[in-house]
Amino acid sequence: MFQLGGLVLLILGIIVQVQSSDLAVINGLAPISSIVVGSIIFVIAFFGCCGAIRENRCFLITYAVFMVLLMIVKIIIGVVIFIDKNSMLEELRTELTNTFENNRTDFLEIQSSFQCCGTNGPNDFLPGALPGSCCPEPPCNTNNAFDGCYEVLNTFFNTFWIVIGVMAFIIAAIELVAALFGFCLSSHVSNKNSVQVVNSS
């Protein structure tokens, strides 16, 4: 299961990275993280799978230790993200502003994807006309325009972090169980080998 999950994360990360646009803070870190995490999980799961099938104590211990380390790293990353959350959101505002000013085409795509308008609101486009992506239906004006993209993405990421936090807790618990299973199976293999040595002598 872990091996399949790691492979899925790896493939999804590569696909998103290839198709990503220029707003690095939104889609740069996520696919790269997915590729890295997916690769690590796949390798760790390979050790566990081979260790269980071949009853290789070394592989099983390696698998269990890596699961514990992965759980610890996940907790550390979660704490760092929680502490550094405000600076990450400020970086989001900076990236949105830069994209709005220097790459309007990509910004319009962001508006269409997240149903938002301007970095801080529709007034960012004034005194010019609002683009069609700023409103749910024409005619598009400040009265029926979406909220600013920073506000929308801020809400999105706050919800996203809560979901990720819950998922991280669940996955960490699963990793702990998997690590205990690896240590127990390793101990069983060790005892089995000891019995075989005694019987053969």
N, C-alpha and C. Protein backbone atom coordinates (compact mmCIF):
# COMPACT_ATOMS: atom_id res chain seq x y z
N MET A 1 0.83 -1.20 0.00
CA MET A 1 0.00 0.00 0.00
C MET A 1 0.87 1.26 0.00
N PHE A 2 1.89 1.28 0.88
CA PHE A 2 2.79 2.44 0.94
C PHE A 2 3.53 2.61 -0.38
N GLN A 3 3.93 1.48 -0.97
CA GLN A 3 4.67 1.54 -2.23
C GLN A 3 3.80 2.11 -3.34
N LEU A 4 2.53 1.67 -3.39
CA LEU A 4 1.61 2.18 -4.40
C LEU A 4 1.33 3.66 -4.17
N GLY A 5 1.14 4.04 -2.91
CA GLY A 5 0.90 5.45 -2.59
C GLY A 5 2.08 6.33 -2.97
N GLY A 6 3.28 5.85 -2.71
CA GLY A 6 4.48 6.60 -3.09
C GLY A 6 4.59 6.77 -4.58
N LEU A 7 4.26 5.72 -5.33
CA LEU A 7 4.32 5.77 -6.79
C LEU A 7 3.29 6.76 -7.33
N VAL A 8 2.10 6.77 -6.75
CA VAL A 8 1.05 7.70 -7.17
C VAL A 8 1.48 9.14 -6.92
N LEU A 9 2.03 9.42 -5.73
CA LEU A 9 2.52 10.76 -5.41
C LEU A 9 3.62 11.19 -6.38
N LEU A 10 4.52 10.27 -6.70
CA LEU A 10 5.62 10.56 -7.61
C LEU A 10 5.10 10.95 -8.99
N ILE A 11 4.16 10.15 -9.53
CA ILE A 11 3.61 10.41 -10.86
C ILE A 11 2.83 11.71 -10.88
N LEU A 12 1.98 11.94 -9.87
CA LEU A 12 1.20 13.17 -9.80
C LEU A 12 2.10 14.39 -9.71
N GLY A 13 3.15 14.28 -8.92
CA GLY A 13 4.08 15.40 -8.78
C GLY A 13 4.76 15.75 -10.09
N ILE A 14 5.17 14.74 -10.84
CA ILE A 14 5.82 14.97 -12.14
C ILE A 14 4.85 15.62 -13.11
N ILE A 15 3.60 15.12 -13.15
CA ILE A 15 2.59 15.67 -14.06
C ILE A 15 2.32 17.14 -13.75
N VAL A 16 2.11 17.44 -12.47
CA VAL A 16 1.81 18.82 -12.07
C VAL A 16 2.99 19.73 -12.33
N GLN A 17 4.22 19.23 -12.08
CA GLN A 17 5.42 20.04 -12.30
C GLN A 17 5.58 20.37 -13.77
N VAL A 18 5.30 19.42 -14.64
CA VAL A 18 5.44 19.64 -16.08
C VAL A 18 4.41 20.65 -16.57
N GLN A 19 3.19 20.58 -16.00
CA GLN A 19 2.10 21.43 -16.47
C GLN A 19 1.96 22.72 -15.69
N SER A 20 2.84 22.97 -14.71
CA SER A 20 2.66 24.12 -13.83
C SER A 20 2.93 25.43 -14.55
N SER A 21 2.29 26.50 -14.05
CA SER A 21 2.50 27.84 -14.60
C SER A 21 3.60 28.55 -13.83
N ASP A 22 3.66 29.88 -13.93
CA ASP A 22 4.78 30.64 -13.37
C ASP A 22 4.58 31.08 -11.93
N LEU A 23 3.41 30.84 -11.32
CA LEU A 23 3.21 31.28 -9.94
C LEU A 23 3.80 30.26 -9.00
N ALA A 24 5.08 30.43 -8.68
CA ALA A 24 5.84 29.40 -7.97
C ALA A 24 5.29 29.11 -6.60
N VAL A 25 4.78 30.11 -5.90
CA VAL A 25 4.36 29.88 -4.52
C VAL A 25 3.15 28.96 -4.45
N ILE A 26 2.34 28.91 -5.53
CA ILE A 26 1.15 28.07 -5.53
C ILE A 26 1.46 26.68 -6.04
N ASN A 27 2.14 26.58 -7.18
CA ASN A 27 2.29 25.27 -7.77
C ASN A 27 3.74 24.84 -7.97
N GLY A 28 4.69 25.55 -7.36
CA GLY A 28 6.08 25.15 -7.48
C GLY A 28 6.49 24.20 -6.39
N LEU A 29 6.15 24.57 -5.14
CA LEU A 29 6.56 23.77 -3.99
C LEU A 29 5.80 22.45 -3.91
N ALA A 30 4.50 22.51 -4.18
CA ALA A 30 3.65 21.32 -4.02
C ALA A 30 4.07 20.14 -4.89
N PRO A 31 4.23 20.33 -6.23
CA PRO A 31 4.63 19.18 -7.05
C PRO A 31 6.02 18.66 -6.73
N ILE A 32 6.96 19.56 -6.42
CA ILE A 32 8.31 19.12 -6.07
C ILE A 32 8.28 18.32 -4.78
N SER A 33 7.52 18.81 -3.80
CA SER A 33 7.38 18.08 -2.54
C SER A 33 6.76 16.72 -2.78
N SER A 34 5.76 16.68 -3.67
CA SER A 34 5.10 15.42 -3.97
C SER A 34 6.07 14.42 -4.60
N ILE A 35 6.93 14.91 -5.50
CA ILE A 35 7.92 14.04 -6.15
C ILE A 35 8.90 13.49 -5.12
N VAL A 36 9.40 14.38 -4.25
CA VAL A 36 10.38 13.96 -3.24
C VAL A 36 9.76 12.97 -2.27
N VAL A 37 8.60 13.34 -1.71
CA VAL A 37 7.94 12.47 -0.73
C VAL A 37 7.54 11.14 -1.36
N GLY A 38 7.01 11.21 -2.59
CA GLY A 38 6.61 9.98 -3.28
C GLY A 38 7.79 9.05 -3.51
N SER A 39 8.93 9.62 -3.91
CA SER A 39 10.13 8.81 -4.14
C SER A 39 10.61 8.15 -2.85
N ILE A 40 10.62 8.94 -1.76
CA ILE A 40 11.08 8.41 -0.47
C ILE A 40 10.17 7.28 0.01
N ILE A 41 8.85 7.52 -0.07
CA ILE A 41 7.89 6.50 0.38
C ILE A 41 8.02 5.23 -0.45
N PHE A 42 8.23 5.39 -1.76
CA PHE A 42 8.36 4.23 -2.65
C PHE A 42 9.57 3.39 -2.26
N VAL A 43 10.71 4.06 -2.00
CA VAL A 43 11.93 3.34 -1.63
C VAL A 43 11.76 2.65 -0.28
N ILE A 44 11.18 3.37 0.69
CA ILE A 44 10.97 2.79 2.01
C ILE A 44 10.04 1.58 1.93
N ALA A 45 8.95 1.73 1.16
CA ALA A 45 8.01 0.62 1.01
C ALA A 45 8.66 -0.57 0.32
N PHE A 46 9.61 -0.30 -0.58
CA PHE A 46 10.33 -1.39 -1.25
C PHE A 46 11.11 -2.22 -0.24
N PHE A 47 11.77 -1.54 0.71
CA PHE A 47 12.50 -2.26 1.76
C PHE A 47 11.54 -3.11 2.59
N GLY A 48 10.40 -2.53 2.96
CA GLY A 48 9.43 -3.28 3.77
C GLY A 48 8.86 -4.47 3.04
N CYS A 49 8.53 -4.28 1.77
CA CYS A 49 7.94 -5.35 0.97
C CYS A 49 8.94 -6.49 0.77
N CYS A 50 10.16 -6.14 0.38
CA CYS A 50 11.19 -7.16 0.18
C CYS A 50 11.54 -7.86 1.49
N GLY A 51 11.61 -7.08 2.56
CA GLY A 51 11.93 -7.67 3.86
C GLY A 51 10.90 -8.66 4.32
N ALA A 52 9.61 -8.34 4.09
CA ALA A 52 8.53 -9.24 4.51
C ALA A 52 8.50 -10.50 3.65
N ILE A 53 8.69 -10.34 2.34
CA ILE A 53 8.62 -11.49 1.43
C ILE A 53 9.81 -12.43 1.64
N ARG A 54 11.00 -11.84 1.75
CA ARG A 54 12.22 -12.65 1.86
C ARG A 54 12.59 -12.95 3.31
N GLU A 55 11.79 -12.38 4.23
CA GLU A 55 12.08 -12.52 5.67
C GLU A 55 13.52 -12.10 5.97
N ASN A 56 13.86 -10.93 5.42
CA ASN A 56 15.19 -10.36 5.59
C ASN A 56 15.16 -9.37 6.76
N ARG A 57 15.84 -9.72 7.84
CA ARG A 57 15.80 -8.90 9.05
C ARG A 57 16.40 -7.52 8.83
N CYS A 58 17.46 -7.44 8.05
CA CYS A 58 18.12 -6.16 7.78
C CYS A 58 17.17 -5.21 7.05
N PHE A 59 16.48 -5.72 6.04
CA PHE A 59 15.53 -4.91 5.28
C PHE A 59 14.38 -4.43 6.18
N LEU A 60 13.90 -5.33 7.04
CA LEU A 60 12.78 -4.99 7.91
C LEU A 60 13.16 -3.90 8.92
N ILE A 61 14.35 -4.02 9.49
CA ILE A 61 14.81 -3.00 10.44
C ILE A 61 15.00 -1.66 9.72
N THR A 62 15.58 -1.72 8.52
CA THR A 62 15.76 -0.50 7.73
C THR A 62 14.42 0.17 7.45
N TYR A 63 13.44 -0.65 7.08
CA TYR A 63 12.09 -0.15 6.82
C TYR A 63 11.50 0.51 8.06
N ALA A 64 11.60 -0.15 9.19
CA ALA A 64 11.02 0.37 10.44
C ALA A 64 11.69 1.67 10.87
N VAL A 65 13.02 1.71 10.77
CA VAL A 65 13.76 2.91 11.17
C VAL A 65 13.39 4.09 10.27
N PHE A 66 13.31 3.83 8.96
CA PHE A 66 12.94 4.89 8.03
C PHE A 66 11.52 5.39 8.28
N MET A 67 10.62 4.50 8.65
CA MET A 67 9.25 4.90 8.95
C MET A 67 9.23 5.83 10.16
N VAL A 68 10.02 5.51 11.17
CA VAL A 68 10.11 6.37 12.35
C VAL A 68 10.70 7.73 11.98
N LEU A 69 11.78 7.72 11.18
CA LEU A 69 12.40 8.97 10.76
C LEU A 69 11.43 9.80 9.92
N LEU A 70 10.70 9.14 9.03
CA LEU A 70 9.73 9.85 8.19
C LEU A 70 8.65 10.50 9.04
N MET A 71 8.22 9.80 10.07
CA MET A 71 7.21 10.34 10.97
C MET A 71 7.74 11.57 11.71
N ILE A 72 8.99 11.49 12.18
CA ILE A 72 9.60 12.61 12.89
C ILE A 72 9.77 13.82 11.97
N VAL A 73 10.25 13.57 10.74
CA VAL A 73 10.44 14.66 9.78
C VAL A 73 9.10 15.32 9.46
N LYS A 74 8.06 14.51 9.30
CA LYS A 74 6.74 15.05 9.00
C LYS A 74 6.25 15.97 10.13
N ILE A 75 6.49 15.56 11.36
CA ILE A 75 6.09 16.38 12.51
C ILE A 75 6.86 17.70 12.53
N ILE A 76 8.18 17.62 12.26
CA ILE A 76 9.02 18.82 12.26
C ILE A 76 8.57 19.79 11.17
N ILE A 77 8.32 19.26 9.96
CA ILE A 77 7.87 20.10 8.85
C ILE A 77 6.54 20.75 9.18
N GLY A 78 5.64 19.99 9.79
CA GLY A 78 4.34 20.53 10.17
C GLY A 78 4.47 21.68 11.15
N VAL A 79 5.36 21.54 12.13
CA VAL A 79 5.58 22.60 13.11
C VAL A 79 6.18 23.84 12.45
N VAL A 80 7.16 23.62 11.56
CA VAL A 80 7.80 24.75 10.87
C VAL A 80 6.80 25.50 10.01
N ILE A 81 5.95 24.76 9.27
CA ILE A 81 4.95 25.40 8.42
C ILE A 81 3.96 26.20 9.27
N PHE A 82 3.56 25.63 10.40
CA PHE A 82 2.62 26.32 11.28
C PHE A 82 3.22 27.61 11.83
N ILE A 83 4.49 27.55 12.22
CA ILE A 83 5.16 28.73 12.78
C ILE A 83 5.41 29.78 11.70
N ASP A 84 5.77 29.33 10.49
CA ASP A 84 6.15 30.23 9.40
C ASP A 84 4.98 30.57 8.49
N LYS A 85 3.78 30.29 8.94
CA LYS A 85 2.59 30.45 8.11
C LYS A 85 2.39 31.88 7.63
N ASN A 86 2.56 32.86 8.51
CA ASN A 86 2.33 34.26 8.15
C ASN A 86 3.30 34.75 7.08
N SER A 87 4.57 34.36 7.19
CA SER A 87 5.56 34.78 6.19
C SER A 87 5.28 34.11 4.84
N MET A 88 4.76 32.89 4.87
CA MET A 88 4.40 32.21 3.63
C MET A 88 3.23 32.91 2.94
N LEU A 89 2.26 33.37 3.74
CA LEU A 89 1.13 34.10 3.18
C LEU A 89 1.57 35.45 2.63
N GLU A 90 2.54 36.08 3.28
CA GLU A 90 3.06 37.34 2.77
C GLU A 90 3.81 37.12 1.45
N GLU A 91 4.51 36.00 1.36
CA GLU A 91 5.18 35.65 0.10
C GLU A 91 4.15 35.41 -0.99
N LEU A 92 3.02 34.83 -0.61
CA LEU A 92 1.93 34.62 -1.56
C LEU A 92 1.45 35.95 -2.13
N ARG A 93 1.28 36.96 -1.26
CA ARG A 93 0.84 38.27 -1.73
C ARG A 93 1.86 38.88 -2.69
N THR A 94 3.15 38.73 -2.35
CA THR A 94 4.21 39.26 -3.21
C THR A 94 4.21 38.60 -4.58
N GLU A 95 4.06 37.27 -4.59
CA GLU A 95 4.03 36.53 -5.86
C GLU A 95 2.82 36.93 -6.70
N LEU A 96 1.68 37.09 -6.05
CA LEU A 96 0.48 37.51 -6.77
C LEU A 96 0.66 38.90 -7.38
N THR A 97 1.24 39.81 -6.61
CA THR A 97 1.47 41.17 -7.10
C THR A 97 2.43 41.17 -8.28
N ASN A 98 3.51 40.40 -8.18
CA ASN A 98 4.48 40.33 -9.28
C ASN A 98 3.86 39.73 -10.53
N THR A 99 3.06 38.69 -10.36
CA THR A 99 2.41 38.06 -11.51
C THR A 99 1.40 39.01 -12.14
N PHE A 100 0.66 39.74 -11.31
CA PHE A 100 -0.32 40.71 -11.81
C PHE A 100 0.35 41.79 -12.64
N GLU A 101 1.51 42.25 -12.19
CA GLU A 101 2.20 43.36 -12.86
C GLU A 101 3.01 42.91 -14.07
N ASN A 102 3.58 41.71 -14.01
CA ASN A 102 4.54 41.29 -15.04
C ASN A 102 4.06 40.17 -15.95
N ASN A 103 3.03 39.46 -15.56
CA ASN A 103 2.56 38.34 -16.38
C ASN A 103 1.04 38.25 -16.27
N ARG A 104 0.38 39.19 -16.94
CA ARG A 104 -1.07 39.31 -16.80
C ARG A 104 -1.81 38.07 -17.32
N THR A 105 -1.27 37.42 -18.33
CA THR A 105 -1.93 36.22 -18.87
C THR A 105 -2.04 35.13 -17.82
N ASP A 106 -0.95 34.87 -17.11
CA ASP A 106 -0.98 33.86 -16.04
C ASP A 106 -1.91 34.28 -14.91
N PHE A 107 -1.94 35.58 -14.63
CA PHE A 107 -2.80 36.05 -13.55
C PHE A 107 -4.27 35.84 -13.90
N LEU A 108 -4.62 36.06 -15.16
CA LEU A 108 -6.01 35.83 -15.58
C LEU A 108 -6.38 34.36 -15.46
N GLU A 109 -5.42 33.47 -15.69
CA GLU A 109 -5.67 32.04 -15.51
C GLU A 109 -5.92 31.72 -14.04
N ILE A 110 -5.17 32.38 -13.15
CA ILE A 110 -5.37 32.19 -11.71
C ILE A 110 -6.77 32.66 -11.33
N GLN A 111 -7.18 33.81 -11.88
CA GLN A 111 -8.52 34.32 -11.61
C GLN A 111 -9.59 33.33 -12.03
N SER A 112 -9.42 32.75 -13.20
CA SER A 112 -10.41 31.79 -13.70
C SER A 112 -10.45 30.54 -12.83
N SER A 113 -9.29 30.09 -12.38
CA SER A 113 -9.21 28.85 -11.59
C SER A 113 -9.79 29.03 -10.20
N PHE A 114 -9.52 30.19 -9.57
CA PHE A 114 -9.93 30.39 -8.18
C PHE A 114 -11.11 31.34 -8.02
N GLN A 115 -11.65 31.81 -9.16
CA GLN A 115 -12.80 32.73 -9.14
C GLN A 115 -12.51 33.92 -8.22
N CYS A 116 -11.49 34.67 -8.60
CA CYS A 116 -11.10 35.86 -7.85
C CYS A 116 -10.80 36.98 -8.82
N CYS A 117 -10.54 38.18 -8.30
CA CYS A 117 -10.34 39.34 -9.17
C CYS A 117 -9.27 40.27 -8.60
N GLY A 118 -8.17 40.43 -9.32
CA GLY A 118 -7.09 41.29 -8.87
C GLY A 118 -6.37 40.71 -7.66
N THR A 119 -5.26 41.31 -7.30
CA THR A 119 -4.54 40.84 -6.12
C THR A 119 -5.33 41.12 -4.85
N ASN A 120 -5.79 42.37 -4.72
CA ASN A 120 -6.53 42.78 -3.52
C ASN A 120 -8.01 43.02 -3.79
N GLY A 121 -8.41 42.96 -5.06
CA GLY A 121 -9.81 43.19 -5.41
C GLY A 121 -9.92 43.79 -6.80
N PRO A 122 -11.15 44.00 -7.28
CA PRO A 122 -11.35 44.53 -8.64
C PRO A 122 -10.77 45.92 -8.85
N ASN A 123 -10.59 46.68 -7.79
CA ASN A 123 -10.04 48.04 -7.94
C ASN A 123 -8.62 48.03 -8.49
N ASP A 124 -7.94 46.88 -8.43
CA ASP A 124 -6.58 46.79 -8.99
C ASP A 124 -6.58 47.05 -10.49
N PHE A 125 -7.70 46.78 -11.16
CA PHE A 125 -7.77 46.96 -12.62
C PHE A 125 -8.19 48.37 -13.02
N LEU A 126 -8.74 49.13 -12.09
CA LEU A 126 -9.21 50.47 -12.41
C LEU A 126 -8.03 51.42 -12.66
N PRO A 127 -8.16 52.42 -13.54
CA PRO A 127 -9.40 52.85 -14.20
C PRO A 127 -9.76 52.07 -15.45
N GLY A 128 -9.05 50.99 -15.76
CA GLY A 128 -9.37 50.20 -16.94
C GLY A 128 -10.59 49.32 -16.71
N ALA A 129 -10.97 48.59 -17.75
CA ALA A 129 -12.13 47.70 -17.67
C ALA A 129 -11.73 46.39 -16.99
N LEU A 130 -12.69 45.78 -16.31
CA LEU A 130 -12.43 44.50 -15.66
C LEU A 130 -12.48 43.38 -16.69
N PRO A 131 -11.56 42.41 -16.62
CA PRO A 131 -11.62 41.26 -17.53
C PRO A 131 -12.81 40.36 -17.18
N GLY A 132 -13.24 39.57 -18.14
CA GLY A 132 -14.39 38.70 -17.93
C GLY A 132 -14.21 37.70 -16.81
N SER A 133 -12.94 37.31 -16.54
CA SER A 133 -12.68 36.32 -15.49
C SER A 133 -12.91 36.88 -14.09
N CYS A 134 -13.16 38.20 -13.98
CA CYS A 134 -13.39 38.81 -12.67
C CYS A 134 -14.82 38.62 -12.18
N CYS A 135 -15.71 38.21 -13.05
CA CYS A 135 -17.13 38.15 -12.69
C CYS A 135 -17.75 36.81 -13.07
N PRO A 136 -18.80 36.40 -12.36
CA PRO A 136 -19.47 35.14 -12.69
C PRO A 136 -20.24 35.21 -13.99
N GLU A 137 -20.69 36.42 -14.36
CA GLU A 137 -21.45 36.60 -15.61
C GLU A 137 -21.35 38.06 -16.04
N PRO A 138 -21.49 38.33 -17.35
CA PRO A 138 -21.46 39.71 -17.83
C PRO A 138 -22.79 40.42 -17.50
N PRO A 139 -22.79 41.76 -17.48
CA PRO A 139 -21.62 42.65 -17.63
C PRO A 139 -20.76 42.63 -16.37
N CYS A 140 -19.45 42.75 -16.55
CA CYS A 140 -18.53 42.65 -15.43
C CYS A 140 -18.17 44.04 -14.91
N ASN A 141 -18.49 44.28 -13.64
CA ASN A 141 -18.14 45.55 -13.01
C ASN A 141 -17.82 45.30 -11.53
N THR A 142 -17.48 46.35 -10.83
CA THR A 142 -17.06 46.20 -9.43
C THR A 142 -18.19 45.72 -8.52
N ASN A 143 -19.42 45.85 -8.97
CA ASN A 143 -20.56 45.45 -8.13
C ASN A 143 -20.74 43.94 -8.07
N ASN A 144 -20.41 43.24 -9.16
CA ASN A 144 -20.59 41.78 -9.18
C ASN A 144 -19.28 41.02 -9.33
N ALA A 145 -18.16 41.73 -9.10
CA ALA A 145 -16.84 41.09 -9.25
C ALA A 145 -16.53 40.19 -8.05
N PHE A 146 -15.67 39.22 -8.30
CA PHE A 146 -15.21 38.33 -7.22
C PHE A 146 -14.32 39.09 -6.24
N ASP A 147 -14.06 38.47 -5.10
CA ASP A 147 -13.12 39.05 -4.14
C ASP A 147 -11.70 38.98 -4.68
N GLY A 148 -10.78 39.69 -4.04
CA GLY A 148 -9.38 39.67 -4.45
C GLY A 148 -8.76 38.29 -4.32
N CYS A 149 -7.80 38.00 -5.18
CA CYS A 149 -7.19 36.67 -5.22
C CYS A 149 -6.42 36.35 -3.93
N TYR A 150 -5.83 37.37 -3.31
CA TYR A 150 -5.11 37.10 -2.06
C TYR A 150 -6.07 36.63 -0.98
N GLU A 151 -7.21 37.28 -0.87
CA GLU A 151 -8.20 36.89 0.14
C GLU A 151 -8.72 35.48 -0.13
N VAL A 152 -9.02 35.19 -1.40
CA VAL A 152 -9.53 33.87 -1.77
C VAL A 152 -8.49 32.78 -1.50
N LEU A 153 -7.25 33.04 -1.93
CA LEU A 153 -6.19 32.05 -1.74
C LEU A 153 -5.80 31.91 -0.28
N ASN A 154 -5.89 33.00 0.47
CA ASN A 154 -5.63 32.95 1.90
C ASN A 154 -6.62 31.99 2.58
N THR A 155 -7.89 32.14 2.24
CA THR A 155 -8.92 31.24 2.78
C THR A 155 -8.67 29.81 2.34
N PHE A 156 -8.30 29.65 1.05
CA PHE A 156 -8.04 28.32 0.50
C PHE A 156 -6.90 27.63 1.24
N PHE A 157 -5.80 28.35 1.46
CA PHE A 157 -4.64 27.75 2.10
C PHE A 157 -4.89 27.48 3.58
N ASN A 158 -5.67 28.35 4.24
CA ASN A 158 -6.01 28.09 5.64
C ASN A 158 -6.79 26.79 5.77
N THR A 159 -7.76 26.59 4.86
CA THR A 159 -8.52 25.33 4.85
C THR A 159 -7.61 24.17 4.47
N PHE A 160 -6.74 24.41 3.49
CA PHE A 160 -5.81 23.38 3.02
C PHE A 160 -4.89 22.92 4.14
N TRP A 161 -4.39 23.86 4.94
CA TRP A 161 -3.49 23.51 6.03
C TRP A 161 -4.18 22.68 7.10
N ILE A 162 -5.45 22.99 7.36
CA ILE A 162 -6.21 22.21 8.34
C ILE A 162 -6.37 20.77 7.86
N VAL A 163 -6.73 20.62 6.59
CA VAL A 163 -6.90 19.28 6.01
C VAL A 163 -5.59 18.52 6.03
N ILE A 164 -4.50 19.20 5.63
CA ILE A 164 -3.18 18.58 5.62
C ILE A 164 -2.76 18.18 7.02
N GLY A 165 -3.08 19.02 8.01
CA GLY A 165 -2.74 18.70 9.40
C GLY A 165 -3.42 17.44 9.88
N VAL A 166 -4.71 17.31 9.57
CA VAL A 166 -5.46 16.10 9.95
C VAL A 166 -4.91 14.88 9.24
N MET A 167 -4.64 15.03 7.93
CA MET A 167 -4.10 13.91 7.16
C MET A 167 -2.72 13.52 7.67
N ALA A 168 -1.90 14.52 8.00
CA ALA A 168 -0.54 14.24 8.50
C ALA A 168 -0.60 13.46 9.81
N PHE A 169 -1.56 13.82 10.68
CA PHE A 169 -1.72 13.11 11.95
C PHE A 169 -2.10 11.66 11.71
N ILE A 170 -3.04 11.44 10.78
CA ILE A 170 -3.49 10.08 10.47
C ILE A 170 -2.35 9.26 9.87
N ILE A 171 -1.62 9.88 8.90
CA ILE A 171 -0.52 9.18 8.25
C ILE A 171 0.59 8.88 9.24
N ALA A 172 0.87 9.83 10.16
CA ALA A 172 1.90 9.60 11.17
C ALA A 172 1.53 8.42 12.06
N ALA A 173 0.24 8.31 12.40
CA ALA A 173 -0.22 7.17 13.21
C ALA A 173 -0.04 5.86 12.45
N ILE A 174 -0.36 5.88 11.15
CA ILE A 174 -0.18 4.69 10.32
C ILE A 174 1.29 4.32 10.22
N GLU A 175 2.14 5.34 10.07
CA GLU A 175 3.59 5.09 9.99
C GLU A 175 4.11 4.50 11.29
N LEU A 176 3.58 4.95 12.42
CA LEU A 176 4.00 4.40 13.71
C LEU A 176 3.61 2.93 13.81
N VAL A 177 2.39 2.61 13.38
CA VAL A 177 1.94 1.20 13.38
C VAL A 177 2.81 0.38 12.44
N ALA A 178 3.12 0.94 11.26
CA ALA A 178 3.95 0.22 10.29
C ALA A 178 5.35 -0.01 10.84
N ALA A 179 5.90 0.99 11.55
CA ALA A 179 7.22 0.83 12.15
C ALA A 179 7.21 -0.26 13.21
N LEU A 180 6.19 -0.26 14.06
CA LEU A 180 6.07 -1.30 15.09
C LEU A 180 5.93 -2.68 14.45
N PHE A 181 5.16 -2.74 13.37
CA PHE A 181 5.00 -4.00 12.64
C PHE A 181 6.34 -4.47 12.09
N GLY A 182 7.12 -3.52 11.55
CA GLY A 182 8.43 -3.87 11.01
C GLY A 182 9.37 -4.40 12.07
N PHE A 183 9.39 -3.75 13.24
CA PHE A 183 10.24 -4.22 14.34
C PHE A 183 9.79 -5.59 14.85
N CYS A 184 8.46 -5.78 14.97
CA CYS A 184 7.94 -7.07 15.44
C CYS A 184 8.26 -8.19 14.46
N LEU A 185 8.07 -7.90 13.18
CA LEU A 185 8.36 -8.92 12.17
C LEU A 185 9.85 -9.23 12.12
N SER A 186 10.67 -8.19 12.31
CA SER A 186 12.12 -8.40 12.36
C SER A 186 12.50 -9.29 13.53
N SER A 187 11.87 -9.03 14.68
CA SER A 187 12.13 -9.86 15.86
C SER A 187 11.69 -11.30 15.64
N HIS A 188 10.55 -11.46 14.96
CA HIS A 188 10.04 -12.80 14.66
C HIS A 188 11.01 -13.55 13.75
N VAL A 189 11.52 -12.85 12.72
CA VAL A 189 12.47 -13.47 11.79
C VAL A 189 13.74 -13.85 12.52
N SER A 190 14.19 -12.97 13.43
CA SER A 190 15.40 -13.26 14.20
C SER A 190 15.22 -14.49 15.08
N ASN A 191 14.07 -14.57 15.76
CA ASN A 191 13.78 -15.74 16.61
C ASN A 191 13.67 -17.01 15.78
N LYS A 192 13.06 -16.89 14.60
CA LYS A 192 12.90 -18.03 13.72
C LYS A 192 14.25 -18.55 13.26
N ASN A 193 15.14 -17.62 12.90
CA ASN A 193 16.48 -18.02 12.47
C ASN A 193 17.25 -18.67 13.61
N SER A 194 17.06 -18.15 14.83
CA SER A 194 17.75 -18.72 16.00
C SER A 194 17.29 -20.15 16.25
N VAL A 195 15.98 -20.38 16.11
CA VAL A 195 15.44 -21.73 16.31
C VAL A 195 15.98 -22.68 15.26
N GLN A 196 16.08 -22.19 14.01
CA GLN A 196 16.60 -23.03 12.93
C GLN A 196 18.06 -23.39 13.17
N VAL A 197 18.82 -22.42 13.70
CA VAL A 197 20.24 -22.68 13.99
C VAL A 197 20.37 -23.72 15.09
N VAL A 198 19.53 -23.60 16.14
CA VAL A 198 19.56 -24.55 17.25
C VAL A 198 19.17 -25.94 16.77
N ASN A 199 18.13 -26.02 15.95
CA ASN A 199 17.67 -27.32 15.45
C ASN A 199 18.69 -27.98 14.54
N SER A 200 19.38 -27.16 13.75
CA SER A 200 20.36 -27.72 12.82
C SER A 200 21.60 -28.23 13.55
N SER A 201 21.86 -27.64 14.74
CA SER A 201 23.03 -28.08 15.50
C SER A 201 22.67 -29.26 16.41
